[in-house]
Amino acid sequence: MKKEELEGKRIAVLLSGGVDSAVVVHELAQMGQHPDCFYIKIGSEEEEEDWDCSMEEDLEMATAVARKYGCKLEVVDCHREYWDQVTKYTMEKVKAGLTPNPDVMCNRLIKFGAFHEKRGHDYDLIATGHYAQTEEEELSIVNSPLSIRKWLCTSPDPVKDQTDFLAQIYDWQLEKAIFPIGHYMKDEVRQIAEREHLVNARRKDSQGICFLGKIDYTEYVRRFLGELPGDVVELETGRRIGEHKGHWFYTIGQRKGLGFGGGPWFIVKKDIEANVLYVSHGYDPETAYKQTFPIHGFHSINGVMPGESITFKIRHTPEYIPATLEKTGEGAFIVHSSKPIHGVAPGQFCVVYDEQHHRCYGSAEITL
């Protein structure tokens, strides 16, 4: 992102209250920009008032940062959109026994979706604190004027890189997106915040689902789906070892916080129709690994589909795994991983990359 590329542009910053988006405002100010700041509100309202949400503290931090740089701060209420769209998506998936990622859909539907409809359409660019970068590729098309293709590219910080959370956004959303701290390592962002005496310089990074603050994921699911007790069965022996409170509280590959006696156990299979969880007693048994799995509904961010040789992720990790894609239909592929992968679960997103060029093609949902 160059200073001259921002001249004459109206820029909106999504200011969350965390250190990353705060440094975004600083970076833009250093380039002579005076962006408008927006805090997206999704909770807590009457029906969520008993939940422990960090919204008040977030808004206080965002207000202090905006004031420091002389920027306007506006609160945009996307509460109803979040609970109607992101929560609906999440609950439908977990009820069907799948493993969704609410953060992925929050970016598409809320940060670059509902916000755009309410306020973002008035701006040329929308800046966020994501650890990601963009790249413009010039295309020379026969008998056509020169055109530009924009790519979502990875951050140099492999631990903090967030392209996996952005891999379902649309091309028009990427066109307006800028990531002013995407070229930094996390430690560098902290150092800038400390040097500039930002109020949230030492604030811990948020954990868990986007926008839910301190709300526990299990409570989030229980609130909407309740409980549905069923048997927990040892896969190898068929022995009943206990009872679960609902298959939707557990994910394939999970081995922490299960609460079943005689462990360690971890989840290797779900029978949704019978409401049975299958667990294995050993550590990382062969049944918990897959080297080949199908994906469907591939979403290409900019319309370019990946080739046969790719790298991929199925969860938020620093590692990119080499693989080949075998096309089986429109937007459907078989992923042939170079090595067995632990905890492959239906409903997860498989995010596809061209590691050589640090580009993210998009993502597809795993189907088993």
Protein backbone atom coordinates (compact mmCIF):
# COMPACT_ATOMS: atom_id res chain seq x y z
CA MET A 1 0.00 0.00 0.00
CA LYS A 2 1.60 3.23 -1.19
CA LYS A 3 0.83 6.76 -0.08
CA GLU A 4 -0.01 7.92 -3.60
CA GLU A 5 -2.55 5.10 -4.03
CA LEU A 6 -4.61 6.55 -1.19
CA GLU A 7 -4.70 10.16 -2.37
CA GLY A 8 -8.22 11.41 -2.94
CA LYS A 9 -9.78 8.23 -1.53
CA ARG A 10 -12.45 8.16 1.15
CA ILE A 11 -11.28 5.58 3.69
CA ALA A 12 -13.27 3.82 6.41
CA VAL A 13 -11.45 1.99 9.21
CA LEU A 14 -13.15 -0.82 11.11
CA LEU A 15 -11.91 -0.06 14.61
CA SER A 16 -12.47 -2.96 17.01
CA GLY A 17 -10.79 -1.75 20.19
CA GLY A 18 -7.82 -4.07 19.72
CA VAL A 19 -4.22 -3.11 19.05
CA ASP A 20 -4.20 -4.21 15.39
CA SER A 21 -6.92 -1.88 14.14
CA ALA A 22 -5.53 0.90 16.32
CA VAL A 23 -2.18 0.67 14.52
CA VAL A 24 -4.12 0.73 11.22
CA VAL A 25 -5.33 4.24 12.10
CA HIS A 26 -1.77 5.25 12.99
CA GLU A 27 -0.38 3.90 9.71
CA LEU A 28 -2.96 5.78 7.66
CA ALA A 29 -2.32 8.96 9.62
CA GLN A 30 1.40 8.59 8.86
CA MET A 31 0.51 8.61 5.16
CA GLY A 32 -1.42 11.85 5.53
CA GLN A 33 -4.85 10.26 5.66
CA HIS A 34 -7.70 11.25 7.94
CA PRO A 35 -9.99 8.20 7.84
CA ASP A 36 -13.43 7.88 9.36
CA CYS A 37 -13.56 5.14 12.00
CA PHE A 38 -16.42 2.73 12.62
CA TYR A 39 -17.10 0.37 15.49
CA ILE A 40 -19.37 -2.51 14.49
CA LYS A 41 -21.80 -3.41 17.25
CA ILE A 42 -23.28 -6.89 17.34
CA GLY A 43 -24.05 -7.38 21.08
CA SER A 44 -25.21 -7.24 23.64
CA GLU A 45 -28.91 -6.54 23.30
CA GLU A 46 -31.87 -7.54 25.43
CA GLU A 47 -31.78 -11.23 24.62
CA GLU A 48 -28.01 -11.41 25.21
CA GLU A 49 -27.78 -9.04 28.18
CA ASP A 50 -26.85 -11.85 30.57
CA TRP A 51 -23.79 -12.78 28.52
CA ASP A 52 -20.37 -11.46 29.48
CA CYS A 53 -19.44 -9.31 26.50
CA SER A 54 -16.43 -7.00 26.19
CA MET A 55 -18.26 -4.46 24.01
CA GLU A 56 -18.08 -1.57 26.48
CA GLU A 57 -14.33 -1.92 26.91
CA ASP A 58 -13.83 -2.33 23.15
CA LEU A 59 -15.79 0.83 22.42
CA GLU A 60 -13.90 2.76 25.09
CA MET A 61 -10.57 1.75 23.50
CA ALA A 62 -11.79 2.53 19.98
CA THR A 63 -13.01 5.96 21.11
CA ALA A 64 -9.63 6.79 22.65
CA VAL A 65 -7.74 5.79 19.48
CA ALA A 66 -10.04 7.78 17.19
CA ARG A 67 -9.73 10.82 19.46
CA LYS A 68 -5.92 10.57 19.50
CA TYR A 69 -5.79 10.90 15.70
CA GLY A 70 -8.66 13.37 15.40
CA CYS A 71 -10.87 10.92 13.55
CA LYS A 72 -14.62 10.65 13.66
CA LEU A 73 -15.93 7.46 15.28
CA GLU A 74 -19.37 6.12 14.49
CA VAL A 75 -21.05 3.03 15.95
CA VAL A 76 -22.77 0.91 13.31
CA ASP A 77 -25.33 -1.50 14.72
CA CYS A 78 -25.10 -4.86 12.91
CA HIS A 79 -26.54 -6.80 15.84
CA ARG A 80 -29.56 -8.15 14.00
CA GLU A 81 -27.59 -9.04 10.87
CA TYR A 82 -25.03 -10.97 12.91
CA TRP A 83 -27.56 -13.02 14.85
CA ASP A 84 -29.79 -13.57 11.82
CA GLN A 85 -27.04 -14.47 9.36
CA VAL A 86 -23.86 -15.66 11.09
CA THR A 87 -25.62 -17.37 13.98
CA LYS A 88 -28.15 -19.00 11.64
CA TYR A 89 -25.31 -20.32 9.46
CA THR A 90 -23.40 -21.63 12.49
CA MET A 91 -26.36 -23.34 14.17
CA GLU A 92 -27.60 -24.98 10.98
CA LYS A 93 -24.15 -26.43 10.40
CA VAL A 94 -23.51 -27.72 13.94
CA LYS A 95 -27.02 -29.18 14.18
CA ALA A 96 -26.24 -31.16 11.00
CA GLY A 97 -23.07 -32.47 12.64
CA LEU A 98 -20.70 -30.24 10.68
CA THR A 99 -17.82 -28.05 11.88
CA PRO A 100 -18.47 -24.47 10.74
CA ASN A 101 -16.24 -21.41 11.08
CA PRO A 102 -18.31 -18.38 12.15
CA ASP A 103 -15.33 -16.01 11.78
CA VAL A 104 -15.08 -16.78 8.07
CA MET A 105 -18.72 -15.92 7.46
CA CYS A 106 -18.53 -12.90 9.76
CA ASN A 107 -16.00 -11.33 7.41
CA ARG A 108 -18.15 -11.99 4.35
CA LEU A 109 -21.54 -11.16 5.86
CA ILE A 110 -20.77 -8.50 8.47
CA LYS A 111 -17.42 -6.70 8.18
CA PHE A 112 -17.51 -6.53 4.38
CA GLY A 113 -21.24 -7.22 4.00
CA ALA A 114 -23.73 -5.60 6.38
CA PHE A 115 -21.31 -2.75 7.12
CA HIS A 116 -21.00 -2.02 3.41
CA GLU A 117 -24.77 -1.87 3.03
CA LYS A 118 -25.16 0.50 5.99
CA ARG A 119 -22.13 2.79 5.70
CA GLY A 120 -19.30 1.29 3.69
CA HIS A 121 -20.88 2.08 0.33
CA ASP A 122 -20.01 5.75 0.96
CA TYR A 123 -16.28 4.93 0.98
CA ASP A 124 -13.71 3.99 -1.65
CA LEU A 125 -11.67 1.78 0.66
CA ILE A 126 -12.35 -0.20 3.85
CA ALA A 127 -9.34 -0.77 6.09
CA THR A 128 -9.15 -3.52 8.70
CA GLY A 129 -6.52 -4.90 11.05
CA HIS A 130 -6.27 -8.27 9.35
CA TYR A 131 -2.86 -9.85 8.85
CA ALA A 132 -3.15 -10.17 5.08
CA GLN A 133 -1.93 -8.36 1.99
CA THR A 134 -3.18 -7.64 -1.53
CA GLU A 135 -1.46 -7.59 -4.88
CA GLU A 136 -2.58 -6.19 -8.20
CA GLU A 137 -1.82 -8.14 -11.35
CA GLU A 138 -1.92 -6.38 -14.71
CA LEU A 139 -3.78 -8.29 -17.39
CA SER A 140 -3.21 -7.55 -21.05
CA ILE A 141 -6.25 -8.89 -22.87
CA VAL A 142 -6.31 -9.02 -26.69
CA ASN A 143 -8.48 -6.24 -28.16
CA SER A 144 -9.25 -4.97 -24.65
CA PRO A 145 -7.82 -2.17 -22.55
CA LEU A 146 -5.37 -3.06 -19.78
CA SER A 147 -7.19 -4.42 -16.73
CA ILE A 148 -6.23 -5.24 -13.17
CA ARG A 149 -6.83 -8.39 -11.13
CA LYS A 150 -6.56 -8.11 -7.35
CA TRP A 151 -5.25 -11.00 -5.26
CA LEU A 152 -5.52 -11.78 -1.57
CA CYS A 153 -1.98 -12.56 -0.38
CA THR A 154 -0.52 -13.94 2.81
CA SER A 155 1.11 -12.01 5.63
CA PRO A 156 4.84 -12.48 6.36
CA ASP A 157 3.81 -13.51 9.88
CA PRO A 158 2.83 -17.19 9.42
CA VAL A 159 1.34 -17.46 12.90
CA LYS A 160 -0.92 -14.41 12.61
CA ASP A 161 -1.77 -14.69 8.90
CA GLN A 162 -5.56 -14.36 8.53
CA THR A 163 -6.12 -15.06 4.85
CA ASP A 164 -7.91 -18.26 5.89
CA PHE A 165 -10.56 -16.13 7.60
CA LEU A 166 -10.91 -13.95 4.48
CA ALA A 167 -11.09 -16.76 1.93
CA GLN A 168 -14.88 -16.55 1.47
CA ILE A 169 -15.13 -12.83 0.71
CA TYR A 170 -16.36 -11.72 -2.73
CA ASP A 171 -14.28 -10.03 -5.41
CA TRP A 172 -16.09 -6.70 -4.96
CA GLN A 173 -15.33 -6.86 -1.23
CA LEU A 174 -11.64 -7.51 -1.88
CA GLU A 175 -11.57 -4.62 -4.36
CA LYS A 176 -12.36 -2.17 -1.55
CA ALA A 177 -10.32 -3.89 1.18
CA ILE A 178 -6.94 -2.66 2.39
CA PHE A 179 -4.82 -4.15 5.17
CA PRO A 180 -2.38 -1.46 6.35
CA ILE A 181 -0.60 -3.69 8.89
CA GLY A 182 -0.60 -6.85 6.77
CA HIS A 183 3.10 -6.50 5.91
CA TYR A 184 4.16 -6.44 9.58
CA MET A 185 4.96 -9.17 12.08
CA LYS A 186 2.79 -9.08 15.18
CA ASP A 187 5.75 -8.04 17.35
CA GLU A 188 6.31 -5.05 15.09
CA VAL A 189 2.68 -3.96 15.49
CA ARG A 190 3.05 -4.15 19.27
CA GLN A 191 6.24 -2.10 19.09
CA ILE A 192 4.53 0.61 17.05
CA ALA A 193 1.65 0.71 19.53
CA GLU A 194 4.06 1.02 22.46
CA ARG A 195 6.11 3.71 20.73
CA GLU A 196 3.00 5.73 19.90
CA HIS A 197 1.56 5.26 23.41
CA LEU A 198 -1.66 3.77 22.12
CA VAL A 199 -4.10 3.04 24.93
CA ASN A 200 -4.45 -0.61 23.94
CA ALA A 201 -0.77 -1.30 23.21
CA ARG A 202 -0.60 -4.11 25.76
CA ARG A 203 -4.13 -5.38 25.39
CA LYS A 204 -4.31 -9.13 24.80
CA ASP A 205 -5.54 -10.42 21.48
CA SER A 206 -9.15 -11.56 21.45
CA GLN A 207 -9.77 -15.30 21.48
CA GLY A 208 -12.71 -17.35 20.28
CA ILE A 209 -15.46 -16.38 17.87
CA CYS A 210 -15.30 -13.03 16.14
CA PHE A 211 -17.24 -10.33 18.01
CA LEU A 212 -18.42 -12.61 20.83
CA GLY A 213 -15.98 -11.20 23.36
CA LYS A 214 -15.85 -13.44 26.41
CA ILE A 215 -18.82 -15.57 25.41
CA ASP A 216 -17.87 -19.26 25.55
CA TYR A 217 -18.53 -21.17 22.31
CA THR A 218 -20.28 -24.00 24.16
CA GLU A 219 -22.66 -21.50 25.77
CA TYR A 220 -23.17 -19.87 22.38
CA VAL A 221 -24.31 -23.22 20.93
CA ARG A 222 -26.33 -24.22 24.02
CA ARG A 223 -28.24 -20.94 23.87
CA PHE A 224 -29.66 -21.77 20.45
CA LEU A 225 -29.73 -25.59 20.28
CA GLY A 226 -30.05 -26.67 23.90
CA GLU A 227 -28.89 -30.17 24.89
CA LEU A 228 -29.52 -33.60 23.37
CA PRO A 229 -27.96 -36.40 25.47
CA GLY A 230 -26.58 -39.44 23.69
CA ASP A 231 -24.09 -42.28 24.01
CA VAL A 232 -20.31 -42.01 23.83
CA VAL A 233 -18.88 -45.23 22.38
CA GLU A 234 -15.31 -46.49 22.04
CA LEU A 235 -14.72 -46.96 18.31
CA GLU A 236 -12.53 -50.07 18.51
CA THR A 237 -14.61 -52.07 20.99
CA GLY A 238 -18.17 -50.71 20.72
CA ARG A 239 -18.14 -50.24 24.50
CA ARG A 240 -20.30 -47.44 25.89
CA ILE A 241 -18.03 -45.24 28.00
CA GLY A 242 -20.39 -42.43 28.92
CA GLU A 243 -22.94 -39.87 27.82
CA HIS A 244 -22.60 -36.59 25.94
CA LYS A 245 -24.92 -33.57 26.14
CA GLY A 246 -25.29 -33.06 22.40
CA HIS A 247 -23.15 -33.99 19.40
CA TRP A 248 -23.02 -30.33 18.38
CA PHE A 249 -20.74 -29.50 21.32
CA TYR A 250 -17.93 -31.63 19.86
CA THR A 251 -15.79 -31.61 16.72
CA ILE A 252 -13.90 -34.34 14.88
CA GLY A 253 -10.34 -34.51 16.22
CA GLN A 254 -11.20 -32.82 19.53
CA ARG A 255 -9.38 -34.24 22.54
CA LYS A 256 -9.54 -31.42 25.08
CA GLY A 257 -12.38 -30.61 27.42
CA LEU A 258 -14.35 -33.78 26.68
CA GLY A 259 -15.02 -34.66 30.30
CA PHE A 260 -15.26 -38.42 29.75
CA GLY A 261 -13.66 -40.64 32.41
CA GLY A 262 -10.75 -42.98 31.75
CA GLY A 263 -9.14 -40.76 29.13
CA PRO A 264 -7.42 -39.37 27.27
CA TRP A 265 -10.05 -39.74 24.54
CA PHE A 266 -10.70 -37.84 21.38
CA ILE A 267 -13.57 -37.64 18.92
CA VAL A 268 -13.05 -39.64 15.72
CA LYS A 269 -16.58 -40.04 14.34
CA LYS A 270 -20.18 -38.85 14.76
CA ASP A 271 -23.39 -40.73 13.97
CA ILE A 272 -25.78 -37.79 13.74
CA GLU A 273 -28.93 -39.83 13.13
CA ALA A 274 -28.32 -42.03 16.18
CA ASN A 275 -26.78 -39.15 18.17
CA VAL A 276 -23.70 -41.23 19.03
CA LEU A 277 -20.16 -39.95 19.48
CA TYR A 278 -17.32 -42.36 18.72
CA VAL A 279 -14.06 -41.87 20.56
CA SER A 280 -10.67 -43.52 20.55
CA HIS A 281 -8.51 -44.19 23.58
CA GLY A 282 -5.10 -44.07 21.92
CA TYR A 283 -3.20 -40.94 21.05
CA ASP A 284 -3.62 -39.97 17.39
CA PRO A 285 -4.87 -43.33 16.06
CA GLU A 286 -4.84 -44.03 12.35
CA THR A 287 -8.60 -43.47 12.16
CA ALA A 288 -8.10 -39.81 13.12
CA TYR A 289 -6.02 -39.12 9.97
CA LYS A 290 -7.03 -38.60 6.36
CA GLN A 291 -4.81 -38.06 3.35
CA THR A 292 -7.58 -37.81 0.75
CA PHE A 293 -10.88 -35.97 1.19
CA PRO A 294 -13.55 -34.29 -0.98
CA ILE A 295 -14.45 -30.59 -1.03
CA HIS A 296 -17.39 -28.87 -2.70
CA GLY A 297 -18.67 -25.40 -3.50
CA PHE A 298 -15.26 -23.90 -4.17
CA HIS A 299 -15.40 -20.14 -3.78
CA SER A 300 -12.80 -18.30 -5.84
CA ILE A 301 -12.20 -14.81 -4.45
CA ASN A 302 -11.31 -13.21 -7.78
CA GLY A 303 -12.67 -15.76 -10.23
CA VAL A 304 -9.39 -17.64 -10.81
CA MET A 305 -9.58 -21.35 -10.09
CA PRO A 306 -6.53 -23.19 -8.73
CA GLY A 307 -4.43 -25.56 -10.80
CA GLU A 308 -3.59 -29.13 -9.95
CA SER A 309 -0.68 -28.39 -7.58
CA ILE A 310 -1.61 -26.36 -4.52
CA THR A 311 -0.99 -25.87 -0.83
CA PHE A 312 -3.82 -25.77 1.69
CA LYS A 313 -4.95 -25.35 5.30
CA ILE A 314 -8.00 -26.77 7.05
CA ARG A 315 -7.51 -24.80 10.27
CA HIS A 316 -5.77 -21.66 11.51
CA THR A 317 -2.16 -22.85 11.62
CA PRO A 318 1.16 -21.54 10.27
CA GLU A 319 1.64 -24.61 8.07
CA TYR A 320 0.75 -24.83 4.37
CA ILE A 321 0.39 -28.45 3.25
CA PRO A 322 1.29 -29.43 -0.35
CA ALA A 323 -1.42 -31.32 -2.27
CA THR A 324 -2.89 -31.99 -5.67
CA LEU A 325 -6.50 -31.30 -6.68
CA GLU A 326 -8.55 -33.78 -8.68
CA LYS A 327 -11.59 -32.12 -10.21
CA THR A 328 -14.82 -34.10 -9.82
CA GLY A 329 -17.42 -31.52 -10.80
CA GLU A 330 -18.27 -27.83 -10.87
CA GLY A 331 -16.46 -26.40 -7.83
CA ALA A 332 -15.88 -29.94 -6.50
CA PHE A 333 -12.50 -31.61 -5.99
CA ILE A 334 -10.71 -34.44 -4.25
CA VAL A 335 -7.77 -33.14 -2.21
CA HIS A 336 -4.78 -35.49 -2.29
CA SER A 337 -2.60 -34.30 0.58
CA SER A 338 1.15 -34.94 0.62
CA LYS A 339 0.77 -36.29 4.15
CA PRO A 340 -1.99 -37.55 6.47
CA ILE A 341 -3.96 -34.75 8.18
CA HIS A 342 -5.36 -34.98 11.69
CA GLY A 343 -8.95 -34.02 12.46
CA VAL A 344 -10.38 -33.51 8.97
CA ALA A 345 -14.06 -32.76 9.63
CA PRO A 346 -17.04 -32.13 7.33
CA GLY A 347 -18.07 -28.47 7.34
CA GLN A 348 -14.54 -27.16 7.80
CA PHE A 349 -13.16 -24.88 5.12
CA CYS A 350 -10.24 -26.10 3.08
CA VAL A 351 -8.36 -22.92 2.11
CA VAL A 352 -6.35 -23.19 -1.09
CA TYR A 353 -3.11 -21.32 -1.82
CA ASP A 354 -0.45 -20.82 -4.45
CA GLU A 355 2.41 -20.76 -1.96
CA GLN A 356 5.01 -19.77 -4.55
CA HIS A 357 3.27 -16.43 -5.12
CA HIS A 358 1.81 -16.17 -1.59
CA ARG A 359 -1.70 -15.97 -3.07
CA CYS A 360 -4.96 -17.30 -1.68
CA TYR A 361 -7.38 -18.62 -4.31
CA GLY A 362 -10.33 -19.09 -1.96
CA SER A 363 -11.88 -21.97 -0.05
CA ALA A 364 -14.34 -24.84 -0.18
CA GLU A 365 -16.26 -26.86 2.38
CA ILE A 366 -15.06 -30.35 3.27
CA THR A 367 -17.55 -33.16 2.67
CA LEU A 368 -16.92 -36.64 4.05
